[in-house]
Protein backbone atom coordinates (compact mmCIF):
# COMPACT_ATOMS: atom_id res chain seq x y z
CA GLY A 1 -41.35 -23.01 -34.01
CA ALA A 2 -38.67 -20.73 -32.63
CA THR A 3 -36.78 -21.83 -29.56
CA PRO A 4 -36.98 -19.59 -26.46
CA LYS A 5 -33.40 -18.45 -27.06
CA SER A 6 -33.95 -17.52 -30.71
CA TYR A 7 -37.24 -15.80 -29.84
CA ALA A 8 -35.54 -13.72 -27.15
CA MET A 9 -32.81 -12.76 -29.64
CA SER A 10 -35.39 -11.68 -32.24
CA VAL A 11 -37.16 -9.55 -29.62
CA ARG A 12 -33.88 -7.83 -28.76
CA ILE A 13 -33.12 -7.17 -32.44
CA ASP A 14 -36.55 -5.57 -32.84
CA GLU A 15 -35.85 -3.41 -29.79
CA VAL A 16 -32.55 -2.22 -31.28
CA LYS A 17 -34.33 -1.29 -34.52
CA ALA A 18 -36.99 0.65 -32.59
CA PHE A 19 -34.25 2.44 -30.65
CA GLY A 20 -32.48 3.36 -33.89
CA LYS A 21 -35.54 5.22 -35.16
CA ALA A 22 -35.16 7.71 -32.29
CA TRP A 23 -31.57 8.82 -33.05
CA ASP A 24 -32.73 11.89 -35.03
CA ASP A 25 -34.77 13.08 -32.05
CA VAL A 26 -31.81 12.51 -29.73
CA LEU A 27 -29.55 14.45 -32.11
CA ASP A 28 -31.95 17.41 -32.21
CA ALA A 29 -32.11 17.50 -28.39
CA LEU A 30 -28.33 17.28 -27.93
CA LEU A 31 -27.67 20.01 -30.52
CA ILE A 32 -29.57 22.37 -28.22
CA ASP A 33 -27.89 21.41 -24.95
CA GLY A 34 -26.35 18.66 -22.85
CA ALA A 35 -24.19 16.72 -25.35
CA GLY A 36 -21.08 16.92 -23.17
CA ARG A 37 -22.82 15.90 -19.96
CA PHE A 38 -24.63 13.08 -21.76
CA ALA A 39 -21.34 11.78 -23.18
CA ARG A 40 -19.67 11.95 -19.78
CA LYS A 41 -22.44 9.91 -18.16
CA LEU A 42 -22.26 7.33 -20.94
CA SER A 43 -18.51 7.10 -20.42
CA ASP A 44 -18.90 6.74 -16.65
CA GLU A 45 -21.26 3.82 -17.30
CA GLU A 46 -18.67 2.34 -19.71
CA LEU A 47 -21.04 2.62 -22.69
CA ILE A 48 -18.65 4.69 -24.85
CA ASP A 49 -14.89 5.26 -24.92
CA ARG A 50 -13.56 8.01 -22.67
CA SER A 51 -11.69 9.55 -25.63
CA LEU A 52 -14.97 10.08 -27.49
CA ALA A 53 -16.58 11.57 -24.39
CA THR A 54 -13.66 14.00 -24.04
CA VAL A 55 -14.33 15.36 -27.54
CA LEU A 56 -18.00 15.91 -26.71
CA MET A 57 -17.20 17.54 -23.36
CA ARG A 58 -15.60 20.58 -24.98
CA SER A 59 -17.65 23.78 -25.00
CA ASN A 60 -19.33 23.53 -28.42
CA PRO A 61 -19.33 20.01 -29.91
CA SER A 62 -20.24 19.90 -33.60
CA GLU A 63 -23.14 18.02 -35.17
CA GLY A 64 -20.55 15.63 -36.59
CA ASP A 65 -19.21 14.92 -33.08
CA ILE A 66 -22.71 14.17 -31.79
CA ASN A 67 -23.37 11.91 -34.77
CA ARG A 68 -20.17 10.00 -33.93
CA LEU A 69 -21.49 9.53 -30.40
CA LEU A 70 -24.85 8.23 -31.61
CA GLY A 71 -23.13 6.00 -34.14
CA ALA A 72 -21.01 4.49 -31.37
CA LEU A 73 -24.12 3.85 -29.27
CA ASP A 74 -25.95 2.27 -32.20
CA ALA A 75 -22.98 0.01 -32.94
CA ARG A 76 -22.76 -1.01 -29.29
CA LEU A 77 -26.45 -1.88 -29.16
CA ARG A 78 -26.10 -4.14 -32.17
CA VAL A 79 -23.29 -6.06 -30.45
CA PHE A 80 -24.67 -5.82 -26.90
CA PRO A 81 -28.47 -5.37 -27.20
CA SER A 82 -28.83 -5.99 -23.46
CA ASN A 83 -27.34 -2.49 -22.94
CA ILE A 84 -30.67 -0.95 -24.02
CA ASP A 85 -31.87 -0.64 -20.42
CA LYS A 86 -28.62 0.99 -19.32
CA ILE A 87 -28.74 3.59 -22.10
CA LEU A 88 -32.40 4.35 -21.42
CA SER A 89 -31.56 4.88 -17.76
CA VAL A 90 -28.89 7.45 -18.66
CA MET A 91 -31.29 9.21 -21.04
CA LYS A 92 -33.94 9.50 -18.33
CA SER A 93 -31.51 11.44 -16.14
CA PHE A 94 -31.61 14.34 -18.65
CA ASN A 95 -34.73 16.49 -18.97
CA SER A 96 -34.20 16.97 -22.70
CA LEU A 97 -34.00 13.21 -23.36
CA ARG A 98 -36.46 11.83 -20.80
CA ASP A 99 -39.54 12.00 -23.05
CA ILE A 100 -37.62 10.37 -25.90
CA ALA A 101 -36.59 7.53 -23.58
CA PHE A 102 -40.20 6.95 -22.55
CA GLN A 103 -41.27 6.98 -26.20
CA ILE A 104 -38.65 4.34 -26.97
CA GLU A 105 -39.86 2.20 -24.08
CA SER A 106 -43.41 2.52 -25.36
CA SER A 107 -42.39 1.55 -28.89
CA ILE A 108 -40.60 -1.59 -27.72
CA GLY A 109 -43.54 -2.58 -25.51
CA ARG A 110 -42.04 -2.30 -22.05
CA THR A 111 -45.32 -3.22 -20.35
CA ALA A 112 -46.51 -6.25 -18.46
CA SER A 113 -49.04 -7.07 -21.21
CA SER A 114 -46.29 -7.43 -23.80
CA GLY A 115 -44.43 -10.04 -21.82
CA PHE A 116 -42.22 -7.80 -19.68
CA THR A 117 -42.92 -8.03 -15.99
CA THR A 118 -42.81 -5.18 -13.51
CA GLU A 119 -40.92 -6.09 -10.37
CA GLU A 120 -42.39 -5.23 -7.01
CA PRO A 121 -40.18 -2.78 -5.11
CA ASP A 122 -38.02 -4.51 -2.53
CA ASP A 123 -37.52 -3.33 1.03
CA ASP A 124 -34.43 -1.30 0.07
CA ASP A 125 -36.42 0.62 -2.57
CA GLU A 126 -39.14 1.42 -0.06
CA ILE A 127 -36.56 2.67 2.43
CA LEU A 128 -34.98 4.81 -0.29
CA GLN A 129 -38.29 6.56 -0.93
CA THR A 130 -38.33 7.68 2.72
CA LEU A 131 -34.90 9.34 2.28
CA ALA A 132 -35.90 11.78 -0.46
CA TYR A 133 -35.02 14.84 1.63
CA PRO A 134 -31.85 16.98 1.81
CA PRO A 135 -29.06 16.45 4.35
CA LYS A 136 -29.46 18.88 7.25
CA ARG A 137 -25.75 19.81 7.09
CA VAL A 138 -23.14 19.30 4.39
CA ALA A 139 -20.85 18.04 7.17
CA ASP A 140 -23.25 15.11 7.67
CA LEU A 141 -22.33 13.90 4.19
CA ASP A 142 -18.73 13.67 5.35
CA ASN A 143 -19.67 11.83 8.54
CA TYR A 144 -21.95 9.30 6.89
CA VAL A 145 -20.43 9.00 3.41
CA GLY A 146 -17.04 10.70 3.04
CA THR A 147 -15.32 8.73 5.80
CA HIS A 148 -15.89 5.58 3.72
CA VAL A 149 -15.60 6.66 0.09
CA CYS A 150 -13.79 10.03 -0.06
CA ALA A 151 -11.11 8.47 -2.31
CA LYS A 152 -13.77 8.12 -5.02
CA TRP A 153 -14.68 11.81 -4.97
CA MET A 154 -14.01 12.29 -8.71
CA SER A 155 -16.38 9.50 -9.77
CA ILE A 156 -18.98 10.68 -7.27
CA GLY A 157 -18.70 14.23 -8.62
CA ARG A 158 -19.27 13.06 -12.18
CA GLN A 159 -22.33 11.09 -11.15
CA LEU A 160 -23.65 14.21 -9.42
CA ASP A 161 -23.27 16.10 -12.68
CA ILE A 162 -20.55 18.43 -11.34
CA PRO A 163 -18.86 20.08 -14.38
CA GLN A 164 -15.51 18.48 -15.23
CA ASN A 165 -13.83 21.90 -15.13
CA ASP A 166 -14.84 22.27 -11.48
CA LEU A 167 -13.55 18.79 -10.66
CA ASP A 168 -10.24 19.55 -12.37
CA CYS A 169 -9.91 22.76 -10.33
CA ILE A 170 -10.48 20.83 -7.11
CA GLN A 171 -7.79 18.34 -8.11
CA LEU A 172 -5.31 21.17 -8.75
CA GLN A 173 -6.07 22.95 -5.48
CA THR A 174 -5.75 20.06 -3.05
CA HIS A 175 -4.60 16.44 -2.98
CA GLN A 176 -6.38 15.58 0.28
CA THR A 177 -9.19 13.25 -0.68
CA LYS A 178 -11.38 14.27 2.28
CA GLU A 179 -11.14 17.94 1.27
CA CYS A 180 -11.83 17.04 -2.37
CA PHE A 181 -14.93 15.08 -1.33
CA MET A 182 -16.26 17.95 0.78
CA ARG A 183 -15.77 20.45 -2.04
CA VAL A 184 -17.73 18.16 -4.36
CA MET A 185 -20.52 17.93 -1.77
CA THR A 186 -20.56 21.74 -1.43
CA LEU A 187 -20.80 22.19 -5.20
CA TRP A 188 -23.61 19.66 -5.33
CA TYR A 189 -25.47 21.62 -2.64
CA GLN A 190 -24.85 24.98 -4.37
CA LYS A 191 -25.61 23.94 -7.94
CA ALA A 192 -28.08 21.11 -7.37
CA ASN A 193 -28.18 20.03 -11.03
CA ILE A 194 -29.75 16.84 -9.71
CA PRO A 195 -31.74 16.38 -6.48
CA TYR A 196 -29.80 17.17 -3.30
CA THR A 197 -31.11 14.32 -1.17
CA TRP A 198 -29.89 11.34 0.81
CA ALA A 199 -31.67 9.08 -1.66
CA GLN A 200 -29.66 10.57 -4.53
CA ILE A 201 -26.25 10.04 -2.92
CA ILE A 202 -27.21 6.42 -2.20
CA LYS A 203 -28.13 5.95 -5.87
CA VAL A 204 -24.74 7.44 -6.85
CA LEU A 205 -22.90 4.99 -4.58
CA GLU A 206 -24.66 2.13 -6.40
CA THR A 207 -23.57 3.19 -9.90
CA PRO A 208 -20.98 1.00 -11.68
CA SER A 209 -18.37 3.78 -11.73
CA VAL A 210 -18.51 4.27 -7.93
CA ASN A 211 -19.25 0.60 -7.20
CA GLU A 212 -20.16 0.81 -3.50
CA ARG A 213 -23.41 -1.17 -3.47
CA ALA A 214 -22.71 -2.94 -0.15
CA PHE A 215 -21.88 0.32 1.61
CA ALA A 216 -24.91 2.00 -0.01
CA SER A 217 -27.18 -0.74 1.35
CA ASP A 218 -25.72 -0.35 4.86
CA LEU A 219 -26.06 3.44 4.66
CA ARG A 220 -29.66 3.16 3.50
CA LYS A 221 -30.56 1.06 6.52
CA LYS A 222 -28.57 3.22 8.94
CA LEU A 223 -30.24 6.44 7.76
CA SER A 224 -33.70 4.87 7.88
CA CYS A 225 -33.27 4.56 11.66
CA LYS A 226 -32.70 8.31 11.99
CA SER A 227 -35.37 11.00 12.02
CA GLN A 228 -35.35 13.76 9.39
CA ASN A 229 -34.54 16.28 12.12
CA GLU A 230 -31.33 14.44 12.98
CA ILE A 231 -29.70 14.26 9.52
């Protein structure tokens, strides 16, 4: 019989094949909208080269450009099949791709009955659920977050789905990292492309591109001791 290692490898190969069947659906969705933002998120997660993302981030990427992106993802999955979960996570952050991501998960059997276990939420996850409300003042984001990580304002802005053109304008207008951070927070509040909540900023701090997991954990616990009327 197959060894555990070879069985696990065969399962991953089957998952990659199942993922590959969905590329046409992904292409159709990205041709309508979101190709540039999707490419930027993939680049921030180090799943594609930044140079490729830059091509897709222009105003009207061609079908050929999007096919290059999907080809790069497919090639990466064949070399690093463990990246499936990471790519699915990025897809779920886009309304146009979320259903496709769930369909892929269903096709590769991501259920407890198929041998994949569902982890119980830990204490940090439960705390995070209690912080799904907006900051009372934008200035509070500076007090609780900016004082520690304002130097990473560009990465934070990208994770908050702030358009790259807006981030470039901020960079041209001021070189003070605190001011840059606050402008990003204001744009997030005004545009709210993704939820404007304490829980969301904590999730952003935990992303690989921002890489502030320890601070995010401390912030989560600190905020959980405050009432919603305070922050």
